[in-house]
Full PDB file with SEQRES, HELIX, SHEET, SSBOND, CRYST1, ORIGX, SCALE, CONECT and MASTER records, all heavy atoms in Angstrom:
SEQRES   1 A   36  TRP GLY PRO ALA GLY LEU LEU LEU VAL LEU GLY ALA LEU          
SEQRES   2 A   36  LEU TRP ALA VAL GLY ARG SER VAL PHE VAL PHE LEU ALA          
SEQRES   3 A   36  PHE ALA LEU LEU ALA ALA PHE VAL SER PRO                      
HELIX    1 AA1 GLY A    2  ALA A   16  1                                  15    
HELIX    2 AA2 VAL A   21  VAL A   34  1                                  14    
CRYST1    1.000    1.000    1.000  90.00  90.00  90.00 P 1           1          
ORIGX1      1.000000  0.000000  0.000000        0.00000                         
ORIGX2      0.000000  1.000000  0.000000        0.00000                         
ORIGX3      0.000000  0.000000  1.000000        0.00000                         
SCALE1      1.000000  0.000000  0.000000        0.00000                         
SCALE2      0.000000  1.000000  0.000000        0.00000                         
SCALE3      0.000000  0.000000  1.000000        0.00000                         
ATOM      1  N   TRP A   1      -1.157  -7.127  -8.132  1.00  0.00           N  
ATOM      2  CA  TRP A   1      -2.224  -6.167  -7.892  1.00  0.00           C  
ATOM      3  C   TRP A   1      -2.507  -5.946  -6.412  1.00  0.00           C  
ATOM      4  O   TRP A   1      -3.363  -5.137  -6.055  1.00  0.00           O  
ATOM      5  CB  TRP A   1      -3.502  -6.627  -8.599  1.00  0.00           C  
ATOM      6  CG  TRP A   1      -3.396  -6.443 -10.071  1.00  0.00           C  
ATOM      7  CD1 TRP A   1      -2.981  -7.367 -10.990  1.00  0.00           C  
ATOM      8  CD2 TRP A   1      -3.673  -5.268 -10.812  1.00  0.00           C  
ATOM      9  NE1 TRP A   1      -2.990  -6.837 -12.240  1.00  0.00           N  
ATOM     10  CE2 TRP A   1      -3.405  -5.540 -12.169  1.00  0.00           C  
ATOM     11  CE3 TRP A   1      -4.107  -3.993 -10.454  1.00  0.00           C  
ATOM     12  CZ2 TRP A   1      -3.579  -4.592 -13.167  1.00  0.00           C  
ATOM     13  CZ3 TRP A   1      -4.283  -3.052 -11.457  1.00  0.00           C  
ATOM     14  CH2 TRP A   1      -4.016  -3.360 -12.790  1.00  0.00           C  
ATOM     15  N   GLY A   2      -1.800  -6.651  -5.555  1.00  0.00           N  
ATOM     16  CA  GLY A   2      -2.034  -6.574  -4.117  1.00  0.00           C  
ATOM     17  C   GLY A   2      -1.964  -5.170  -3.536  1.00  0.00           C  
ATOM     18  O   GLY A   2      -2.895  -4.731  -2.843  1.00  0.00           O  
ATOM     19  N   PRO A   3      -0.871  -4.424  -3.777  1.00  0.00           N  
ATOM     20  CA  PRO A   3      -0.801  -3.069  -3.205  1.00  0.00           C  
ATOM     21  C   PRO A   3      -1.941  -2.159  -3.668  1.00  0.00           C  
ATOM     22  O   PRO A   3      -2.520  -1.423  -2.872  1.00  0.00           O  
ATOM     23  CB  PRO A   3       0.548  -2.549  -3.697  1.00  0.00           C  
ATOM     24  CG  PRO A   3       1.368  -3.775  -3.949  1.00  0.00           C  
ATOM     25  CD  PRO A   3       0.382  -4.805  -4.435  1.00  0.00           C  
ATOM     26  N   ALA A   4      -2.292  -2.239  -4.953  1.00  0.00           N  
ATOM     27  CA  ALA A   4      -3.384  -1.401  -5.468  1.00  0.00           C  
ATOM     28  C   ALA A   4      -4.717  -1.818  -4.848  1.00  0.00           C  
ATOM     29  O   ALA A   4      -5.517  -0.968  -4.443  1.00  0.00           O  
ATOM     30  CB  ALA A   4      -3.448  -1.500  -6.991  1.00  0.00           C  
ATOM     31  N   GLY A   5      -4.957  -3.111  -4.758  1.00  0.00           N  
ATOM     32  CA  GLY A   5      -6.196  -3.602  -4.153  1.00  0.00           C  
ATOM     33  C   GLY A   5      -6.308  -3.215  -2.693  1.00  0.00           C  
ATOM     34  O   GLY A   5      -7.383  -2.832  -2.218  1.00  0.00           O  
ATOM     35  N   LEU A   6      -5.206  -3.304  -1.967  1.00  0.00           N  
ATOM     36  CA  LEU A   6      -5.198  -2.923  -0.559  1.00  0.00           C  
ATOM     37  C   LEU A   6      -5.549  -1.444  -0.387  1.00  0.00           C  
ATOM     38  O   LEU A   6      -6.329  -1.085   0.500  1.00  0.00           O  
ATOM     39  CB  LEU A   6      -3.831  -3.224   0.053  1.00  0.00           C  
ATOM     40  CG  LEU A   6      -3.685  -2.971   1.538  1.00  0.00           C  
ATOM     41  CD1 LEU A   6      -4.607  -3.886   2.334  1.00  0.00           C  
ATOM     42  CD2 LEU A   6      -2.243  -3.192   1.955  1.00  0.00           C  
ATOM     43  N   LEU A   7      -5.003  -0.598  -1.238  1.00  0.00           N  
ATOM     44  CA  LEU A   7      -5.321   0.832  -1.159  1.00  0.00           C  
ATOM     45  C   LEU A   7      -6.791   1.101  -1.469  1.00  0.00           C  
ATOM     46  O   LEU A   7      -7.415   1.945  -0.820  1.00  0.00           O  
ATOM     47  CB  LEU A   7      -4.412   1.633  -2.100  1.00  0.00           C  
ATOM     48  CG  LEU A   7      -2.978   1.800  -1.621  1.00  0.00           C  
ATOM     49  CD1 LEU A   7      -2.099   2.363  -2.728  1.00  0.00           C  
ATOM     50  CD2 LEU A   7      -2.922   2.709  -0.400  1.00  0.00           C  
ATOM     51  N   LEU A   8      -7.338   0.393  -2.445  1.00  0.00           N  
ATOM     52  CA  LEU A   8      -8.759   0.565  -2.763  1.00  0.00           C  
ATOM     53  C   LEU A   8      -9.640   0.131  -1.596  1.00  0.00           C  
ATOM     54  O   LEU A   8     -10.608   0.820  -1.249  1.00  0.00           O  
ATOM     55  CB  LEU A   8      -9.128  -0.226  -4.015  1.00  0.00           C  
ATOM     56  CG  LEU A   8      -8.776   0.406  -5.350  1.00  0.00           C  
ATOM     57  CD1 LEU A   8      -9.115  -0.534  -6.495  1.00  0.00           C  
ATOM     58  CD2 LEU A   8      -9.494   1.732  -5.524  1.00  0.00           C  
ATOM     59  N   VAL A   9      -9.312  -0.998  -0.993  1.00  0.00           N  
ATOM     60  CA  VAL A   9     -10.095  -1.481   0.142  1.00  0.00           C  
ATOM     61  C   VAL A   9      -9.990  -0.505   1.307  1.00  0.00           C  
ATOM     62  O   VAL A   9     -10.996  -0.165   1.948  1.00  0.00           O  
ATOM     63  CB  VAL A   9      -9.637  -2.897   0.556  1.00  0.00           C  
ATOM     64  CG1 VAL A   9     -10.221  -3.309   1.896  1.00  0.00           C  
ATOM     65  CG2 VAL A   9     -10.006  -3.899  -0.532  1.00  0.00           C  
ATOM     66  N   LEU A  10      -8.793  -0.028   1.592  1.00  0.00           N  
ATOM     67  CA  LEU A  10      -8.604   0.934   2.680  1.00  0.00           C  
ATOM     68  C   LEU A  10      -9.389   2.214   2.420  1.00  0.00           C  
ATOM     69  O   LEU A  10     -10.056   2.742   3.312  1.00  0.00           O  
ATOM     70  CB  LEU A  10      -7.122   1.241   2.863  1.00  0.00           C  
ATOM     71  CG  LEU A  10      -6.757   2.163   4.013  1.00  0.00           C  
ATOM     72  CD1 LEU A  10      -7.251   1.598   5.339  1.00  0.00           C  
ATOM     73  CD2 LEU A  10      -5.261   2.371   4.055  1.00  0.00           C  
ATOM     74  N   GLY A  11      -9.349   2.712   1.192  1.00  0.00           N  
ATOM     75  CA  GLY A  11     -10.119   3.901   0.844  1.00  0.00           C  
ATOM     76  C   GLY A  11     -11.609   3.682   0.997  1.00  0.00           C  
ATOM     77  O   GLY A  11     -12.332   4.543   1.511  1.00  0.00           O  
ATOM     78  N   ALA A  12     -12.093   2.514   0.586  1.00  0.00           N  
ATOM     79  CA  ALA A  12     -13.519   2.201   0.718  1.00  0.00           C  
ATOM     80  C   ALA A  12     -13.925   2.105   2.189  1.00  0.00           C  
ATOM     81  O   ALA A  12     -14.999   2.582   2.579  1.00  0.00           O  
ATOM     82  CB  ALA A  12     -13.831   0.894  -0.008  1.00  0.00           C  
ATOM     83  N   LEU A  13     -13.055   1.502   3.005  1.00  0.00           N  
ATOM     84  CA  LEU A  13     -13.350   1.413   4.440  1.00  0.00           C  
ATOM     85  C   LEU A  13     -13.405   2.793   5.090  1.00  0.00           C  
ATOM     86  O   LEU A  13     -14.296   3.069   5.904  1.00  0.00           O  
ATOM     87  CB  LEU A  13     -12.315   0.540   5.139  1.00  0.00           C  
ATOM     88  CG  LEU A  13     -12.404  -0.954   4.865  1.00  0.00           C  
ATOM     89  CD1 LEU A  13     -11.222  -1.684   5.496  1.00  0.00           C  
ATOM     90  CD2 LEU A  13     -13.712  -1.520   5.368  1.00  0.00           C  
ATOM     91  N   LEU A  14     -12.476   3.644   4.732  1.00  0.00           N  
ATOM     92  CA  LEU A  14     -12.485   5.003   5.283  1.00  0.00           C  
ATOM     93  C   LEU A  14     -13.733   5.773   4.846  1.00  0.00           C  
ATOM     94  O   LEU A  14     -14.309   6.530   5.616  1.00  0.00           O  
ATOM     95  CB  LEU A  14     -11.212   5.755   4.884  1.00  0.00           C  
ATOM     96  CG  LEU A  14      -9.935   5.299   5.583  1.00  0.00           C  
ATOM     97  CD1 LEU A  14      -8.723   5.988   4.977  1.00  0.00           C  
ATOM     98  CD2 LEU A  14     -10.017   5.584   7.069  1.00  0.00           C  
ATOM     99  N   TRP A  15     -14.136   5.570   3.613  1.00  0.00           N  
ATOM    100  CA  TRP A  15     -15.340   6.221   3.104  1.00  0.00           C  
ATOM    101  C   TRP A  15     -16.562   5.695   3.854  1.00  0.00           C  
ATOM    102  O   TRP A  15     -17.461   6.449   4.226  1.00  0.00           O  
ATOM    103  CB  TRP A  15     -15.447   5.975   1.615  1.00  0.00           C  
ATOM    104  CG  TRP A  15     -16.594   6.661   0.931  1.00  0.00           C  
ATOM    105  CD1 TRP A  15     -17.298   7.750   1.375  1.00  0.00           C  
ATOM    106  CD2 TRP A  15     -17.156   6.315  -0.318  1.00  0.00           C  
ATOM    107  NE1 TRP A  15     -18.263   8.105   0.459  1.00  0.00           N  
ATOM    108  CE2 TRP A  15     -18.187   7.232  -0.601  1.00  0.00           C  
ATOM    109  CE3 TRP A  15     -16.882   5.333  -1.256  1.00  0.00           C  
ATOM    110  CZ2 TRP A  15     -18.949   7.178  -1.756  1.00  0.00           C  
ATOM    111  CZ3 TRP A  15     -17.629   5.285  -2.415  1.00  0.00           C  
ATOM    112  CH2 TRP A  15     -18.661   6.201  -2.651  1.00  0.00           C  
ATOM    113  N   ALA A  16     -16.577   4.377   4.125  1.00  0.00           N  
ATOM    114  CA  ALA A  16     -17.722   3.766   4.800  1.00  0.00           C  
ATOM    115  C   ALA A  16     -17.875   4.235   6.242  1.00  0.00           C  
ATOM    116  O   ALA A  16     -18.994   4.280   6.759  1.00  0.00           O  
ATOM    117  CB  ALA A  16     -17.585   2.245   4.769  1.00  0.00           C  
ATOM    118  N   VAL A  17     -16.785   4.602   6.902  1.00  0.00           N  
ATOM    119  CA  VAL A  17     -16.886   5.052   8.300  1.00  0.00           C  
ATOM    120  C   VAL A  17     -17.085   6.554   8.400  1.00  0.00           C  
ATOM    121  O   VAL A  17     -16.897   7.135   9.461  1.00  0.00           O  
ATOM    122  CB  VAL A  17     -15.654   4.612   9.136  1.00  0.00           C  
ATOM    123  CG1 VAL A  17     -15.571   3.112   9.225  1.00  0.00           C  
ATOM    124  CG2 VAL A  17     -14.373   5.214   8.606  1.00  0.00           C  
ATOM    125  N   GLY A  18     -17.472   7.172   7.308  1.00  0.00           N  
ATOM    126  CA  GLY A  18     -17.859   8.566   7.390  1.00  0.00           C  
ATOM    127  C   GLY A  18     -16.900   9.575   6.797  1.00  0.00           C  
ATOM    128  O   GLY A  18     -17.129  10.771   6.898  1.00  0.00           O  
ATOM    129  N   ARG A  19     -15.849   9.115   6.202  1.00  0.00           N  
ATOM    130  CA  ARG A  19     -14.949  10.063   5.553  1.00  0.00           C  
ATOM    131  C   ARG A  19     -15.555  10.511   4.223  1.00  0.00           C  
ATOM    132  O   ARG A  19     -16.470   9.905   3.696  1.00  0.00           O  
ATOM    133  CB  ARG A  19     -13.575   9.434   5.304  1.00  0.00           C  
ATOM    134  CG  ARG A  19     -12.872   8.945   6.517  1.00  0.00           C  
ATOM    135  CD  ARG A  19     -12.283  10.107   7.287  1.00  0.00           C  
ATOM    136  NE  ARG A  19     -11.479   9.572   8.382  1.00  0.00           N  
ATOM    137  CZ  ARG A  19     -11.514  10.032   9.594  1.00  0.00           C  
ATOM    138  NH1 ARG A  19     -12.303  11.017   9.907  1.00  0.00           N  
ATOM    139  NH2 ARG A  19     -10.760   9.509  10.516  1.00  0.00           N  
ATOM    140  N   SER A  20     -14.995  11.517   3.672  1.00  0.00           N  
ATOM    141  CA  SER A  20     -15.476  12.101   2.428  1.00  0.00           C  
ATOM    142  C   SER A  20     -15.193  11.171   1.241  1.00  0.00           C  
ATOM    143  O   SER A  20     -14.285  10.352   1.263  1.00  0.00           O  
ATOM    144  CB  SER A  20     -14.770  13.443   2.234  1.00  0.00           C  
ATOM    145  OG  SER A  20     -14.772  13.839   0.901  1.00  0.00           O  
ATOM    146  N   VAL A  21     -15.975  11.342   0.202  1.00  0.00           N  
ATOM    147  CA  VAL A  21     -15.734  10.624  -1.049  1.00  0.00           C  
ATOM    148  C   VAL A  21     -14.371  11.018  -1.621  1.00  0.00           C  
ATOM    149  O   VAL A  21     -13.739  10.227  -2.322  1.00  0.00           O  
ATOM    150  CB  VAL A  21     -16.871  10.871  -2.062  1.00  0.00           C  
ATOM    151  CG1 VAL A  21     -16.851  12.297  -2.567  1.00  0.00           C  
ATOM    152  CG2 VAL A  21     -16.777   9.900  -3.220  1.00  0.00           C  
ATOM    153  N   PHE A  22     -13.907  12.199  -1.287  1.00  0.00           N  
ATOM    154  CA  PHE A  22     -12.604  12.647  -1.767  1.00  0.00           C  
ATOM    155  C   PHE A  22     -11.477  11.801  -1.184  1.00  0.00           C  
ATOM    156  O   PHE A  22     -10.456  11.600  -1.822  1.00  0.00           O  
ATOM    157  CB  PHE A  22     -12.388  14.126  -1.463  1.00  0.00           C  
ATOM    158  CG  PHE A  22     -13.361  15.004  -2.195  1.00  0.00           C  
ATOM    159  CD1 PHE A  22     -14.357  15.678  -1.504  1.00  0.00           C  
ATOM    160  CD2 PHE A  22     -13.304  15.134  -3.569  1.00  0.00           C  
ATOM    161  CE1 PHE A  22     -15.270  16.461  -2.167  1.00  0.00           C  
ATOM    162  CE2 PHE A  22     -14.211  15.921  -4.251  1.00  0.00           C  
ATOM    163  CZ  PHE A  22     -15.203  16.590  -3.552  1.00  0.00           C  
ATOM    164  N   VAL A  23     -11.672  11.285   0.027  1.00  0.00           N  
ATOM    165  CA  VAL A  23     -10.683  10.378   0.622  1.00  0.00           C  
ATOM    166  C   VAL A  23     -10.604   9.112  -0.217  1.00  0.00           C  
ATOM    167  O   VAL A  23      -9.516   8.635  -0.549  1.00  0.00           O  
ATOM    168  CB  VAL A  23     -11.031  10.047   2.088  1.00  0.00           C  
ATOM    169  CG1 VAL A  23     -10.130   8.959   2.640  1.00  0.00           C  
ATOM    170  CG2 VAL A  23     -10.949  11.293   2.947  1.00  0.00           C  
ATOM    171  N   PHE A  24     -11.767   8.577  -0.583  1.00  0.00           N  
ATOM    172  CA  PHE A  24     -11.784   7.382  -1.426  1.00  0.00           C  
ATOM    173  C   PHE A  24     -11.129   7.662  -2.770  1.00  0.00           C  
ATOM    174  O   PHE A  24     -10.333   6.863  -3.269  1.00  0.00           O  
ATOM    175  CB  PHE A  24     -13.202   6.868  -1.647  1.00  0.00           C  
ATOM    176  CG  PHE A  24     -13.260   5.734  -2.626  1.00  0.00           C  
ATOM    177  CD1 PHE A  24     -12.804   4.473  -2.265  1.00  0.00           C  
ATOM    178  CD2 PHE A  24     -13.726   5.928  -3.917  1.00  0.00           C  
ATOM    179  CE1 PHE A  24     -12.826   3.418  -3.176  1.00  0.00           C  
ATOM    180  CE2 PHE A  24     -13.757   4.893  -4.826  1.00  0.00           C  
ATOM    181  CZ  PHE A  24     -13.300   3.622  -4.460  1.00  0.00           C  
ATOM    182  N   LEU A  25     -11.447   8.797  -3.374  1.00  0.00           N  
ATOM    183  CA  LEU A  25     -10.858   9.140  -4.665  1.00  0.00           C  
ATOM    184  C   LEU A  25      -9.342   9.294  -4.567  1.00  0.00           C  
ATOM    185  O   LEU A  25      -8.608   8.894  -5.483  1.00  0.00           O  
ATOM    186  CB  LEU A  25     -11.499  10.407  -5.223  1.00  0.00           C  
ATOM    187  CG  LEU A  25     -12.957  10.275  -5.638  1.00  0.00           C  
ATOM    188  CD1 LEU A  25     -13.511  11.618  -6.083  1.00  0.00           C  
ATOM    189  CD2 LEU A  25     -13.121   9.223  -6.719  1.00  0.00           C  
ATOM    190  N   ALA A  26      -8.870   9.839  -3.468  1.00  0.00           N  
ATOM    191  CA  ALA A  26      -7.427   9.974  -3.266  1.00  0.00           C  
ATOM    192  C   ALA A  26      -6.773   8.595  -3.182  1.00  0.00           C  
ATOM    193  O   ALA A  26      -5.723   8.357  -3.788  1.00  0.00           O  
ATOM    194  CB  ALA A  26      -7.136  10.784  -2.006  1.00  0.00           C  
ATOM    195  N   PHE A  27      -7.413   7.673  -2.450  1.00  0.00           N  
ATOM    196  CA  PHE A  27      -6.870   6.319  -2.356  1.00  0.00           C  
ATOM    197  C   PHE A  27      -6.953   5.603  -3.695  1.00  0.00           C  
ATOM    198  O   PHE A  27      -6.062   4.832  -4.048  1.00  0.00           O  
ATOM    199  CB  PHE A  27      -7.591   5.528  -1.262  1.00  0.00           C  
ATOM    200  CG  PHE A  27      -6.996   5.727   0.100  1.00  0.00           C  
ATOM    201  CD1 PHE A  27      -7.378   6.802   0.885  1.00  0.00           C  
ATOM    202  CD2 PHE A  27      -6.048   4.855   0.592  1.00  0.00           C  
ATOM    203  CE1 PHE A  27      -6.837   7.002   2.136  1.00  0.00           C  
ATOM    204  CE2 PHE A  27      -5.489   5.046   1.842  1.00  0.00           C  
ATOM    205  CZ  PHE A  27      -5.879   6.121   2.623  1.00  0.00           C  
ATOM    206  N   ALA A  28      -8.025   5.839  -4.455  1.00  0.00           N  
ATOM    207  CA  ALA A  28      -8.158   5.220  -5.774  1.00  0.00           C  
ATOM    208  C   ALA A  28      -7.074   5.728  -6.722  1.00  0.00           C  
ATOM    209  O   ALA A  28      -6.498   4.954  -7.493  1.00  0.00           O  
ATOM    210  CB  ALA A  28      -9.546   5.501  -6.350  1.00  0.00           C  
ATOM    211  N   LEU A  29      -6.778   7.017  -6.644  1.00  0.00           N  
ATOM    212  CA  LEU A  29      -5.713   7.577  -7.481  1.00  0.00           C  
ATOM    213  C   LEU A  29      -4.357   6.987  -7.101  1.00  0.00           C  
ATOM    214  O   LEU A  29      -3.561   6.621  -7.966  1.00  0.00           O  
ATOM    215  CB  LEU A  29      -5.693   9.102  -7.342  1.00  0.00           C  
ATOM    216  CG  LEU A  29      -4.716   9.855  -8.232  1.00  0.00           C  
ATOM    217  CD1 LEU A  29      -5.041   9.622  -9.701  1.00  0.00           C  
ATOM    218  CD2 LEU A  29      -4.774  11.335  -7.922  1.00  0.00           C  
ATOM    219  N   LEU A  30      -4.120   6.869  -5.808  1.00  0.00           N  
ATOM    220  CA  LEU A  30      -2.877   6.258  -5.339  1.00  0.00           C  
ATOM    221  C   LEU A  30      -2.805   4.790  -5.763  1.00  0.00           C  
ATOM    222  O   LEU A  30      -1.748   4.301  -6.166  1.00  0.00           O  
ATOM    223  CB  LEU A  30      -2.768   6.389  -3.821  1.00  0.00           C  
ATOM    224  CG  LEU A  30      -1.450   5.981  -3.196  1.00  0.00           C  
ATOM    225  CD1 LEU A  30      -0.288   6.777  -3.774  1.00  0.00           C  
ATOM    226  CD2 LEU A  30      -1.510   6.174  -1.692  1.00  0.00           C  
ATOM    227  N   ALA A  31      -3.929   4.090  -5.717  1.00  0.00           N  
ATOM    228  CA  ALA A  31      -3.973   2.691  -6.154  1.00  0.00           C  
ATOM    229  C   ALA A  31      -3.613   2.584  -7.634  1.00  0.00           C  
ATOM    230  O   ALA A  31      -2.869   1.690  -8.036  1.00  0.00           O  
ATOM    231  CB  ALA A  31      -5.351   2.095  -5.892  1.00  0.00           C  
ATOM    232  N   ALA A  32      -4.133   3.487  -8.440  1.00  0.00           N  
ATOM    233  CA  ALA A  32      -3.793   3.480  -9.863  1.00  0.00           C  
ATOM    234  C   ALA A  32      -2.304   3.743 -10.061  1.00  0.00           C  
ATOM    235  O   ALA A  32      -1.668   3.143 -10.933  1.00  0.00           O  
ATOM    236  CB  ALA A  32      -4.618   4.530 -10.609  1.00  0.00           C  
ATOM    237  N   PHE A  33      -1.753   4.614  -9.239  1.00  0.00           N  
ATOM    238  CA  PHE A  33      -0.334   4.958  -9.357  1.00  0.00           C  
ATOM    239  C   PHE A  33       0.567   3.776  -9.019  1.00  0.00           C  
ATOM    240  O   PHE A  33       1.607   3.597  -9.639  1.00  0.00           O  
ATOM    241  CB  PHE A  33      -0.006   6.159  -8.465  1.00  0.00           C  
ATOM    242  CG  PHE A  33       1.399   6.653  -8.605  1.00  0.00           C  
ATOM    243  CD1 PHE A  33       1.806   7.287  -9.759  1.00  0.00           C  
ATOM    244  CD2 PHE A  33       2.311   6.470  -7.590  1.00  0.00           C  
ATOM    245  CE1 PHE A  33       3.109   7.735  -9.902  1.00  0.00           C  
ATOM    246  CE2 PHE A  33       3.610   6.909  -7.714  1.00  0.00           C  
ATOM    247  CZ  PHE A  33       4.012   7.553  -8.879  1.00  0.00           C  
ATOM    248  N   VAL A  34       0.180   2.945  -8.049  1.00  0.00           N  
ATOM    249  CA  VAL A  34       1.026   1.808  -7.669  1.00  0.00           C  
ATOM    250  C   VAL A  34       0.682   0.541  -8.452  1.00  0.00           C  
ATOM    251  O   VAL A  34       1.365  -0.470  -8.312  1.00  0.00           O  
ATOM    252  CB  VAL A  34       0.974   1.507  -6.148  1.00  0.00           C  
ATOM    253  CG1 VAL A  34       1.408   2.698  -5.351  1.00  0.00           C  
ATOM    254  CG2 VAL A  34      -0.378   1.001  -5.715  1.00  0.00           C  
ATOM    255  N   SER A  35      -0.328   0.586  -9.279  1.00  0.00           N  
ATOM    256  CA  SER A  35      -0.716  -0.589 -10.055  1.00  0.00           C  
ATOM    257  C   SER A  35       0.213  -0.755 -11.260  1.00  0.00           C  
ATOM    258  O   SER A  35       0.921   0.182 -11.649  1.00  0.00           O  
ATOM    259  CB  SER A  35      -2.156  -0.439 -10.547  1.00  0.00           C  
ATOM    260  OG  SER A  35      -2.209   0.440 -11.645  1.00  0.00           O  
ATOM    261  N   PRO A  36       0.178  -1.927 -11.866  1.00  0.00           N  
ATOM    262  CA  PRO A  36       0.980  -2.143 -13.079  1.00  0.00           C  
ATOM    263  C   PRO A  36       0.508  -1.326 -14.281  1.00  0.00           C  
ATOM    264  O   PRO A  36       1.188  -1.284 -15.299  1.00  0.00           O  
ATOM    265  CB  PRO A  36       0.798  -3.639 -13.360  1.00  0.00           C  
ATOM    266  CG  PRO A  36       0.344  -4.240 -12.087  1.00  0.00           C  
ATOM    267  CD  PRO A  36      -0.402  -3.161 -11.366  1.00  0.00           C  
TER     268      PRO A  36                                                      
MASTER        0    0    0    2    0    0    0    6  267    1    0    3          
END                                                                             
């Protein structure tokens, strides 16, 4: 689950520094795609 978790954390960090929620959703979708 490491790659998926890393993408979720990165998306959350980007969202926290002022990026759009859509950035987080894009990273979450990518995390789901690389997950088992």
